[in-house]
Amino acid sequence: MTATGPWYREVSRGQWKSLAAAWIGYLLDGFDFVLITLVLTEIAEEFDLSTASAASLVSGAFITRWLGGALLGAMGDRYGRKPAMIASILLYSLGTFACGFAWNYFSLFTARLLIGMGMAGEYSASATYVLESWPARLRNRASGFLISGYAGGTILASELYKWVVPHWGWRWMFWIGVLPVFVALWVRRALPEAADWRQDVAADDARPNPFAPLFTGRWRAWANTALAAAASAALFCVFTPVGAGWRWPLSLLATGCLLAFAAQLGGRRGRLLYTALVATVFCAFLYSWPIQALLPTYLKSELGYAPDEVTDVMFYAGFGTMAGCWLAGFVGDWLGTRKAYACTLLASLAFVFPVFAVQDSLVGLGVLLFFLLALSQGISGILPKYIAGHFPTRTRAASLGFVYNTGALGGAVAPVLGADLAEGMPLGRALAVLTFGLTLVVIVLVGADVPRRLGRLTDPSGGADHLVPERPLSVPGASVEKTG
């Protein structure tokens, strides 16, 4: 029987409650992560930090994301999505709370490492929890609704900044971050486990161990432990002043270590798929994060906007991203995940250069930015659905956590690329060129189905959408029979 009636009637009260709980956690995740960018100048002044040292505090959370995504994702595959989601919320909440007690640069940097691990786990745990709880044909919508919480968190943090910091100081912004602990306790009490995990894994006596390929044999275990230590140390040096003068060799070392993990986790049949998905996510962060990281600098330095005007523009940007996430979910269920992703990104290209051509109209800039971010960054609302659909339930959380959060290192590289490019041209033009060019790369990777095509070279039976088994990743959801 095909689906009839309003779509929202297919979603039970318990499924809406699951989404709401995960959305609140993701909103607070976005709130916690963006705090450091808002109070960076106050921190630099109090701790007497250089610009480079202060900026490394932002990158600190990226260093541990790959590890947190893999570990907490594996926890979700083995013990359930809900325990992993609760552990992630507790981890990044306590890390944020600890930031408020920092007494110097290194204590604050250490707390940022905890935030990175928790944020990575939150992405994989919450995304798999919601996707596996909702009806199969509406899972793009579930993905878009969930990821919109992150944009909501950035808006909330920006608004609170104006009220909290002038009166109580920057530490209180971090102490407010303890609020997700209460969300975690409520989640533990109120929610059931994800339906797909209960059906496919919970009843099986042989629980999955996604890390088994890394520790089959004494020598391999030792070698992979050394690889993990080398990758972590290299990333630490790359994103802090410690690695000055050695960033390229250290970057290559970290890349080699992480690709070695991708090859082993994917196994003989999935290594090309894992590597291609990491590259796709990396490029997705490269096109989106130059604007996220450097837009306020562009507004202040090149357009001469006052702080209140910058806040107004960022408000447009935040709501554009949130609206785009909602739109992405509906378009994804209508056209199919892959086609929606590529077509929406293609439409966003029409707004890239006009955004940076506007000079003297705050409203005009805000409107153009709203549409650009709705179509470009908003489409990331279905990125969890796109990635997770490549993996079966038993390894989905660990695979999604590793692939996404390893590729997320592009978010740490993007501001550096933007700043370097701006040395030879105005910052606005540099951001436009970088965004336009890398968006085209992602359109090709996703639109041409490059990860799946490469994956089928080693696994000819691959290609199905594991979240909606009735169809491949590119087929519209309207053709799928109603499930659940």
Protein backbone atom coordinates (compact mmCIF):
# COMPACT_ATOMS: atom_id res chain seq x y z
CA MET A 1 0.00 0.00 0.00
CA THR A 2 1.42 3.37 -1.01
CA ALA A 3 1.55 6.30 1.38
CA THR A 4 -1.64 8.42 1.56
CA GLY A 5 -2.63 11.42 3.67
CA PRO A 6 -0.37 14.03 5.30
CA TRP A 7 3.16 12.77 5.83
CA TYR A 8 3.30 13.86 9.44
CA ARG A 9 0.57 11.37 10.37
CA GLU A 10 2.96 8.57 9.47
CA VAL A 11 5.21 9.70 12.33
CA SER A 12 4.11 8.43 15.71
CA ARG A 13 4.17 10.47 18.89
CA GLY A 14 7.15 8.47 20.13
CA GLN A 15 9.06 9.16 16.92
CA TRP A 16 8.43 12.91 17.22
CA LYS A 17 9.62 12.70 20.82
CA SER A 18 12.79 10.92 19.70
CA LEU A 19 13.48 13.66 17.17
CA ALA A 20 12.79 16.40 19.71
CA ALA A 21 15.18 14.93 22.25
CA ALA A 22 17.96 14.50 19.70
CA TRP A 23 17.26 17.98 18.23
CA ILE A 24 17.68 19.62 21.64
CA GLY A 25 20.95 17.78 22.12
CA TYR A 26 22.14 18.91 18.71
CA LEU A 27 21.05 22.51 19.37
CA LEU A 28 23.13 22.53 22.53
CA ASP A 29 25.96 20.90 20.60
CA GLY A 30 25.96 23.84 18.17
CA PHE A 31 25.67 26.24 21.08
CA ASP A 32 28.70 24.73 22.84
CA PHE A 33 30.86 24.50 19.73
CA VAL A 34 30.39 28.10 18.57
CA LEU A 35 31.00 29.67 22.00
CA ILE A 36 34.77 29.78 21.54
CA THR A 37 34.48 31.87 18.37
CA LEU A 38 32.32 34.45 20.14
CA VAL A 39 34.58 35.00 23.16
CA LEU A 40 37.96 34.50 21.48
CA THR A 41 38.99 38.14 21.81
CA GLU A 42 38.12 38.20 25.53
CA ILE A 43 40.09 34.99 26.13
CA ALA A 44 43.09 36.25 24.16
CA GLU A 45 43.13 39.43 26.22
CA GLU A 46 42.88 37.66 29.59
CA PHE A 47 45.49 34.99 28.82
CA ASP A 48 47.70 37.33 26.75
CA LEU A 49 47.56 35.12 23.65
CA SER A 50 48.71 35.89 20.14
CA THR A 51 46.22 35.69 17.29
CA ALA A 52 47.63 32.34 16.16
CA SER A 53 47.48 30.82 19.64
CA ALA A 54 43.93 32.05 20.19
CA ALA A 55 42.80 30.70 16.80
CA SER A 56 44.25 27.28 17.64
CA LEU A 57 41.65 26.99 20.41
CA VAL A 58 38.98 26.82 17.69
CA SER A 59 40.87 24.08 15.86
CA GLY A 60 41.44 22.14 19.09
CA ALA A 61 38.05 20.48 18.90
CA PHE A 62 38.88 19.09 15.44
CA ILE A 63 41.92 17.17 16.67
CA THR A 64 39.90 14.56 18.58
CA ARG A 65 36.79 14.44 16.39
CA TRP A 66 37.94 11.48 14.31
CA LEU A 67 38.70 9.48 17.45
CA GLY A 68 35.51 10.47 19.28
CA GLY A 69 33.36 9.68 16.25
CA ALA A 70 34.89 6.23 15.92
CA LEU A 71 34.87 5.31 19.63
CA LEU A 72 31.40 6.60 20.49
CA GLY A 73 30.08 5.31 17.18
CA ALA A 74 31.41 1.84 18.02
CA MET A 75 29.72 2.15 21.41
CA GLY A 76 26.46 2.91 19.62
CA ASP A 77 26.81 -0.13 17.37
CA ARG A 78 27.60 -2.49 20.24
CA TYR A 79 25.46 -1.21 23.14
CA GLY A 80 22.76 0.88 21.46
CA ARG A 81 22.26 4.33 20.00
CA LYS A 82 20.75 5.82 23.16
CA PRO A 83 23.68 5.11 25.54
CA ALA A 84 26.11 6.54 22.98
CA MET A 85 23.96 9.66 22.54
CA ILE A 86 23.82 10.20 26.30
CA ALA A 87 27.58 9.68 26.68
CA SER A 88 28.25 12.19 23.89
CA ILE A 89 26.02 14.85 25.45
CA LEU A 90 27.65 14.38 28.84
CA LEU A 91 31.13 14.57 27.33
CA TYR A 92 30.77 17.82 25.40
CA SER A 93 28.69 19.41 28.16
CA LEU A 94 31.30 18.70 30.81
CA GLY A 95 34.05 19.83 28.44
CA THR A 96 32.27 23.13 27.89
CA PHE A 97 31.64 23.54 31.62
CA ALA A 98 35.35 22.95 32.27
CA CYS A 99 36.26 25.74 29.82
CA GLY A 100 34.76 28.20 32.28
CA PHE A 101 37.35 27.18 34.90
CA ALA A 102 40.38 27.35 32.58
CA TRP A 103 43.38 29.12 34.12
CA ASN A 104 45.64 29.22 31.05
CA TYR A 105 45.92 28.31 27.37
CA PHE A 106 46.70 24.61 27.86
CA SER A 107 43.89 23.95 30.35
CA LEU A 108 41.41 25.54 27.94
CA PHE A 109 42.86 23.61 25.00
CA THR A 110 42.48 20.33 26.91
CA ALA A 111 38.82 21.07 27.59
CA ARG A 112 38.35 21.75 23.88
CA LEU A 113 39.64 18.26 23.13
CA LEU A 114 36.79 16.82 25.23
CA ILE A 115 34.28 18.98 23.39
CA GLY A 116 35.56 17.66 20.05
CA MET A 117 35.15 14.04 21.10
CA GLY A 118 31.65 14.64 22.46
CA MET A 119 30.56 16.61 19.42
CA ALA A 120 31.77 13.86 17.10
CA GLY A 121 29.92 11.22 19.07
CA GLU A 122 26.80 13.37 19.14
CA TYR A 123 26.73 13.53 15.35
CA SER A 124 26.96 9.78 14.83
CA ALA A 125 24.78 8.78 17.81
CA SER A 126 21.96 11.30 17.33
CA ALA A 127 21.88 10.91 13.55
CA THR A 128 21.69 7.12 13.62
CA TYR A 129 19.19 7.21 16.50
CA VAL A 130 16.75 9.49 14.66
CA LEU A 131 17.23 7.94 11.22
CA GLU A 132 16.60 4.44 12.57
CA SER A 133 13.57 5.57 14.58
CA TRP A 134 11.60 7.31 11.79
CA PRO A 135 9.62 5.70 8.94
CA ALA A 136 11.96 4.68 6.12
CA ARG A 137 10.50 6.91 3.44
CA LEU A 138 10.76 10.04 5.61
CA ARG A 139 14.35 9.68 6.73
CA ASN A 140 15.71 12.58 4.69
CA ARG A 141 13.17 14.75 6.49
CA ALA A 142 14.30 13.37 9.84
CA SER A 143 17.92 14.12 8.95
CA GLY A 144 17.16 17.70 7.89
CA PHE A 145 15.08 18.44 10.97
CA LEU A 146 17.81 17.09 13.25
CA ILE A 147 20.75 19.00 11.74
CA SER A 148 18.78 22.27 11.81
CA GLY A 149 19.29 22.14 15.59
CA TYR A 150 22.97 22.98 15.14
CA ALA A 151 22.13 26.23 13.32
CA GLY A 152 19.62 27.01 16.05
CA GLY A 153 22.37 26.57 18.63
CA THR A 154 24.62 29.08 16.86
CA ILE A 155 21.79 31.62 16.78
CA LEU A 156 21.08 31.08 20.48
CA ALA A 157 24.76 31.49 21.38
CA SER A 158 25.03 34.72 19.37
CA GLU A 159 22.01 36.23 21.08
CA LEU A 160 23.09 35.20 24.58
CA TYR A 161 26.56 36.62 23.99
CA LYS A 162 25.16 40.16 23.86
CA TRP A 163 23.46 39.73 27.23
CA VAL A 164 25.82 37.50 29.21
CA VAL A 165 29.39 38.59 28.44
CA PRO A 166 29.04 42.37 29.03
CA HIS A 167 27.47 41.75 32.46
CA TRP A 168 29.12 38.57 33.79
CA GLY A 169 32.14 37.86 31.58
CA TRP A 170 33.09 35.15 29.11
CA ARG A 171 33.27 32.28 31.63
CA TRP A 172 29.53 32.33 32.22
CA MET A 173 28.93 31.51 28.55
CA PHE A 174 30.70 28.19 29.11
CA TRP A 175 29.07 27.46 32.45
CA ILE A 176 25.70 27.67 30.76
CA GLY A 177 26.93 24.74 28.67
CA VAL A 178 26.24 22.36 31.57
CA LEU A 179 22.54 22.44 30.63
CA PRO A 180 22.84 19.46 28.23
CA VAL A 181 23.54 17.23 31.26
CA PHE A 182 19.88 17.57 32.24
CA VAL A 183 18.86 16.79 28.66
CA ALA A 184 20.96 13.61 28.84
CA LEU A 185 19.22 12.51 32.03
CA TRP A 186 15.82 13.16 30.47
CA VAL A 187 16.79 11.18 27.37
CA ARG A 188 17.86 8.21 29.52
CA ARG A 189 14.53 8.18 31.34
CA ALA A 190 12.12 8.88 28.53
CA LEU A 191 13.21 7.35 25.23
CA PRO A 192 13.17 3.85 23.74
CA GLU A 193 16.05 2.45 21.72
CA ALA A 194 16.17 3.02 17.94
CA ALA A 195 13.87 0.58 16.13
CA ASP A 196 16.36 -0.61 13.50
CA TRP A 197 19.06 -1.34 16.10
CA ARG A 198 16.58 -3.25 18.31
CA GLN A 199 15.48 -5.36 15.37
CA ASP A 200 18.85 -6.06 13.72
CA VAL A 201 21.35 -6.03 16.58
CA ALA A 202 19.84 -6.12 20.09
CA ALA A 203 18.39 -9.62 19.72
CA ASP A 204 21.67 -11.01 18.37
CA ASP A 205 23.94 -12.64 20.95
CA ALA A 206 27.01 -11.77 18.84
CA ARG A 207 27.16 -7.98 19.28
CA PRO A 208 29.15 -6.12 16.58
CA ASN A 209 32.70 -4.97 17.23
CA PRO A 210 33.54 -2.43 14.47
CA PHE A 211 37.16 -2.18 15.68
CA ALA A 212 37.84 -5.90 15.37
CA PRO A 213 39.81 -5.48 12.09
CA LEU A 214 42.21 -3.14 13.87
CA PHE A 215 43.18 -5.61 16.61
CA THR A 216 43.25 -9.03 14.97
CA GLY A 217 46.72 -10.05 16.03
CA ARG A 218 49.28 -8.68 18.44
CA TRP A 219 51.40 -6.89 15.87
CA ARG A 220 48.44 -5.23 14.18
CA ALA A 221 47.12 -4.05 17.54
CA TRP A 222 50.47 -2.49 18.42
CA ALA A 223 50.82 -0.95 14.98
CA ASN A 224 47.36 0.63 15.06
CA THR A 225 47.89 1.97 18.56
CA ALA A 226 51.06 3.64 17.26
CA LEU A 227 49.12 5.00 14.26
CA ALA A 228 46.47 6.50 16.53
CA ALA A 229 49.14 8.15 18.69
CA ALA A 230 50.98 9.46 15.63
CA ALA A 231 47.79 10.86 14.07
CA SER A 232 46.77 12.60 17.30
CA ALA A 233 50.24 14.06 17.88
CA ALA A 234 50.53 15.23 14.27
CA LEU A 235 47.12 16.92 14.35
CA PHE A 236 47.96 18.59 17.65
CA CYS A 237 51.13 20.04 16.16
CA VAL A 238 49.42 21.08 12.91
CA PHE A 239 46.69 23.07 14.65
CA THR A 240 48.81 24.64 17.38
CA PRO A 241 51.92 26.85 17.28
CA VAL A 242 53.97 23.77 18.25
CA GLY A 243 54.11 22.63 14.62
CA ALA A 244 55.18 25.93 13.10
CA GLY A 245 57.42 25.24 10.11
CA TRP A 246 56.45 21.56 9.92
CA ARG A 247 52.77 21.77 9.04
CA TRP A 248 52.94 20.18 5.59
CA PRO A 249 54.98 17.09 6.62
CA LEU A 250 52.84 16.67 9.74
CA SER A 251 49.64 17.06 7.69
CA LEU A 252 50.81 14.32 5.33
CA LEU A 253 51.64 12.08 8.30
CA ALA A 254 48.18 12.57 9.83
CA THR A 255 46.53 11.98 6.45
CA GLY A 256 48.43 8.75 5.95
CA CYS A 257 47.48 7.46 9.40
CA LEU A 258 43.79 8.27 8.96
CA LEU A 259 43.64 6.74 5.48
CA ALA A 260 45.25 3.59 6.90
CA PHE A 261 42.42 3.39 9.45
CA ALA A 262 39.83 3.95 6.71
CA ALA A 263 41.28 1.11 4.65
CA GLN A 264 41.28 -1.28 7.62
CA LEU A 265 37.82 -0.36 8.89
CA GLY A 266 36.38 -0.72 5.41
CA GLY A 267 38.09 -4.04 4.87
CA ARG A 268 39.01 -5.51 1.53
CA ARG A 269 35.52 -4.86 0.13
CA GLY A 270 34.86 -1.42 1.59
CA ARG A 271 38.18 0.42 1.71
CA LEU A 272 37.55 2.45 -1.47
CA LEU A 273 34.07 3.41 -0.28
CA TYR A 274 35.36 4.62 3.09
CA THR A 275 38.17 6.62 1.50
CA ALA A 276 35.91 8.21 -1.12
CA LEU A 277 33.31 9.20 1.48
CA VAL A 278 36.01 10.78 3.69
CA ALA A 279 37.23 12.78 0.68
CA THR A 280 33.67 13.88 -0.14
CA VAL A 281 33.00 15.10 3.40
CA PHE A 282 36.41 16.81 3.47
CA CYS A 283 35.54 18.78 0.32
CA ALA A 284 32.08 19.57 1.72
CA PHE A 285 33.71 21.20 4.75
CA LEU A 286 36.18 23.03 2.51
CA TYR A 287 33.40 24.75 0.56
CA SER A 288 31.25 25.61 3.59
CA TRP A 289 33.68 26.53 6.36
CA PRO A 290 35.51 29.47 4.72
CA ILE A 291 32.26 31.44 4.97
CA GLN A 292 31.39 30.09 8.41
CA ALA A 293 34.80 30.95 9.82
CA LEU A 294 35.74 34.15 7.96
CA LEU A 295 32.43 35.89 7.20
CA PRO A 296 32.51 38.05 10.38
CA THR A 297 36.09 39.07 9.56
CA TYR A 298 35.03 40.01 6.01
CA LEU A 299 32.09 42.06 7.29
CA LYS A 300 34.23 44.01 9.75
CA SER A 301 37.47 44.41 7.82
CA GLU A 302 36.29 44.96 4.23
CA LEU A 303 32.75 46.31 4.63
CA GLY A 304 33.36 48.21 7.86
CA TYR A 305 30.25 46.87 9.61
CA ALA A 306 29.74 47.65 13.29
CA PRO A 307 29.33 44.72 15.75
CA ASP A 308 25.53 45.10 15.88
CA GLU A 309 25.38 45.02 12.08
CA VAL A 310 27.57 41.91 12.01
CA THR A 311 25.18 40.25 14.47
CA ASP A 312 22.23 41.12 12.22
CA VAL A 313 23.91 39.60 9.16
CA MET A 314 24.87 36.46 11.09
CA PHE A 315 21.24 36.19 12.18
CA TYR A 316 20.20 36.02 8.51
CA ALA A 317 22.93 33.44 7.92
CA GLY A 318 21.87 31.24 10.83
CA PHE A 319 18.22 31.18 9.86
CA GLY A 320 19.16 30.58 6.23
CA THR A 321 21.08 27.46 7.24
CA MET A 322 18.24 26.28 9.48
CA ALA A 323 15.59 26.82 6.78
CA GLY A 324 17.85 25.09 4.27
CA CYS A 325 18.08 22.01 6.49
CA TRP A 326 14.30 21.79 6.62
CA LEU A 327 14.05 22.28 2.86
CA ALA A 328 16.76 19.68 2.24
CA GLY A 329 14.76 17.02 4.07
CA PHE A 330 11.66 17.51 1.92
CA VAL A 331 13.61 17.75 -1.35
CA GLY A 332 15.63 14.67 -0.41
CA ASP A 333 12.50 12.58 0.15
CA TRP A 334 11.06 13.95 -3.11
CA LEU A 335 14.03 13.63 -5.50
CA GLY A 336 16.21 11.12 -3.66
CA THR A 337 19.14 11.92 -1.40
CA ARG A 338 21.94 12.10 -3.95
CA LYS A 339 20.03 14.00 -6.63
CA ALA A 340 18.69 16.51 -4.09
CA TYR A 341 22.19 17.12 -2.74
CA ALA A 342 23.72 17.78 -6.16
CA CYS A 343 20.85 19.86 -7.57
CA THR A 344 20.56 22.09 -4.49
CA LEU A 345 24.30 22.76 -4.46
CA LEU A 346 24.13 23.60 -8.17
CA ALA A 347 21.39 26.17 -7.48
CA SER A 348 23.49 27.72 -4.70
CA LEU A 349 26.20 28.71 -7.19
CA ALA A 350 23.93 31.49 -8.49
CA PHE A 351 24.27 33.32 -5.16
CA VAL A 352 28.00 32.97 -4.42
CA PHE A 353 29.42 35.95 -6.31
CA PRO A 354 26.39 38.27 -5.77
CA VAL A 355 26.82 37.86 -1.97
CA PHE A 356 30.33 39.27 -2.14
CA ALA A 357 29.38 41.95 -4.67
CA VAL A 358 26.99 43.72 -2.28
CA GLN A 359 28.80 46.59 -0.55
CA ASP A 360 26.36 49.05 1.00
CA SER A 361 23.07 47.26 1.69
CA LEU A 362 22.81 45.29 4.91
CA VAL A 363 19.33 44.02 4.04
CA GLY A 364 20.38 43.05 0.50
CA LEU A 365 23.43 41.23 1.80
CA GLY A 366 21.36 39.49 4.47
CA VAL A 367 18.75 38.27 1.96
CA LEU A 368 21.36 36.99 -0.51
CA LEU A 369 23.28 35.31 2.31
CA PHE A 370 20.07 33.71 3.56
CA PHE A 371 19.48 32.03 0.18
CA LEU A 372 23.14 31.10 -0.34
CA LEU A 373 23.40 29.35 3.02
CA ALA A 374 19.94 27.78 2.72
CA LEU A 375 21.01 26.10 -0.52
CA SER A 376 24.69 25.42 0.20
CA GLN A 377 25.12 24.80 3.93
CA GLY A 378 21.50 23.88 4.48
CA ILE A 379 21.83 20.85 2.23
CA SER A 380 24.17 19.41 4.86
CA GLY A 381 20.95 18.59 6.68
CA ILE A 382 20.76 15.38 4.64
CA LEU A 383 24.48 14.63 4.79
CA PRO A 384 23.92 12.15 7.69
CA LYS A 385 21.31 10.36 5.58
CA TYR A 386 23.62 10.32 2.55
CA ILE A 387 26.56 8.85 4.48
CA ALA A 388 24.60 6.50 6.76
CA GLY A 389 22.75 4.98 3.81
CA HIS A 390 26.00 3.40 2.62
CA PHE A 391 26.38 1.27 5.78
CA PRO A 392 24.38 -1.58 7.37
CA THR A 393 22.88 -1.21 10.84
CA ARG A 394 25.54 -3.29 12.62
CA THR A 395 28.38 -0.90 11.73
CA ARG A 396 26.48 2.27 10.85
CA ALA A 397 27.26 4.47 13.85
CA ALA A 398 31.00 3.73 13.91
CA SER A 399 31.28 4.11 10.12
CA LEU A 400 29.30 7.35 10.05
CA GLY A 401 31.23 8.68 13.04
CA PHE A 402 34.64 7.92 11.53
CA VAL A 403 33.89 8.98 7.95
CA TYR A 404 32.16 12.24 8.83
CA ASN A 405 34.49 13.38 11.59
CA THR A 406 37.66 12.49 9.70
CA GLY A 407 36.37 14.44 6.72
CA ALA A 408 35.43 17.26 9.10
CA LEU A 409 39.12 18.12 9.33
CA GLY A 410 38.36 20.12 6.20
CA GLY A 411 36.66 22.57 8.55
CA ALA A 412 39.99 23.24 10.23
CA VAL A 413 41.85 23.54 6.91
CA ALA A 414 39.29 25.80 5.19
CA PRO A 415 39.95 29.05 7.12
CA VAL A 416 43.68 28.66 6.49
CA LEU A 417 43.08 28.23 2.75
CA GLY A 418 40.80 31.26 2.72
CA ALA A 419 43.32 33.41 4.57
CA ASP A 420 46.19 32.29 2.32
CA LEU A 421 44.19 32.97 -0.83
CA ALA A 422 43.28 36.40 0.51
CA GLU A 423 46.95 37.43 0.54
CA GLY A 424 46.79 37.90 -3.23
CA MET A 425 43.27 39.28 -3.57
CA PRO A 426 40.50 40.87 -1.45
CA LEU A 427 39.07 38.56 1.22
CA GLY A 428 35.57 38.65 -0.27
CA ARG A 429 36.81 37.54 -3.68
CA ALA A 430 38.94 34.81 -2.06
CA LEU A 431 35.91 33.44 -0.20
CA ALA A 432 33.80 33.54 -3.36
CA VAL A 433 36.42 31.71 -5.46
CA LEU A 434 37.03 29.07 -2.81
CA THR A 435 33.33 28.46 -2.18
CA PHE A 436 32.41 28.34 -5.88
CA GLY A 437 35.27 26.03 -6.89
CA LEU A 438 34.93 23.52 -4.08
CA THR A 439 31.14 23.43 -4.37
CA LEU A 440 31.64 22.30 -7.97
CA VAL A 441 33.93 19.52 -6.73
CA VAL A 442 31.28 18.25 -4.29
CA ILE A 443 28.59 18.45 -6.99
CA VAL A 444 30.70 16.15 -9.17
CA LEU A 445 31.54 13.74 -6.32
CA VAL A 446 27.94 13.38 -5.16
CA GLY A 447 26.14 13.91 -8.47
CA ALA A 448 28.29 11.38 -10.32
CA ASP A 449 27.93 8.95 -7.40
CA VAL A 450 31.72 8.66 -7.14
CA PRO A 451 31.89 6.98 -3.67
CA ARG A 452 29.42 4.25 -4.61
CA ARG A 453 31.05 3.68 -8.01
CA LEU A 454 34.49 3.34 -6.43
CA GLY A 455 33.06 1.10 -3.72
CA ARG A 456 31.63 -1.27 -6.31
CA LEU A 457 35.11 -1.86 -7.74
CA THR A 458 35.88 -3.91 -4.62
CA ASP A 459 32.30 -4.82 -3.66
CA PRO A 460 30.17 -5.42 -6.78
CA SER A 461 27.11 -6.20 -4.64
CA GLY A 462 27.17 -2.75 -2.96
CA GLY A 463 25.07 0.25 -3.87
CA ALA A 464 21.81 -0.22 -1.99
CA ASP A 465 20.52 2.41 0.41
CA HIS A 466 20.73 0.53 3.71
CA LEU A 467 18.40 3.02 5.42
CA VAL A 468 15.73 2.52 2.75
CA PRO A 469 16.52 -0.99 1.43
CA GLU A 470 13.81 -0.88 -1.24
CA ARG A 471 15.78 1.56 -3.41
CA PRO A 472 19.26 2.83 -4.30
CA LEU A 473 20.49 6.21 -3.05
CA SER A 474 19.29 8.18 -6.08
CA VAL A 475 15.66 7.03 -6.39
CA PRO A 476 12.91 9.40 -5.16
CA GLY A 477 11.09 8.47 -1.98
CA ALA A 478 7.63 8.82 -3.51
CA SER A 479 8.06 5.43 -5.16
CA VAL A 480 8.69 3.65 -1.89
CA GLU A 481 5.83 1.86 -0.25
CA LYS A 482 4.84 3.12 3.15
CA THR A 483 6.70 1.37 5.96
CA GLY A 484 6.48 1.30 9.74
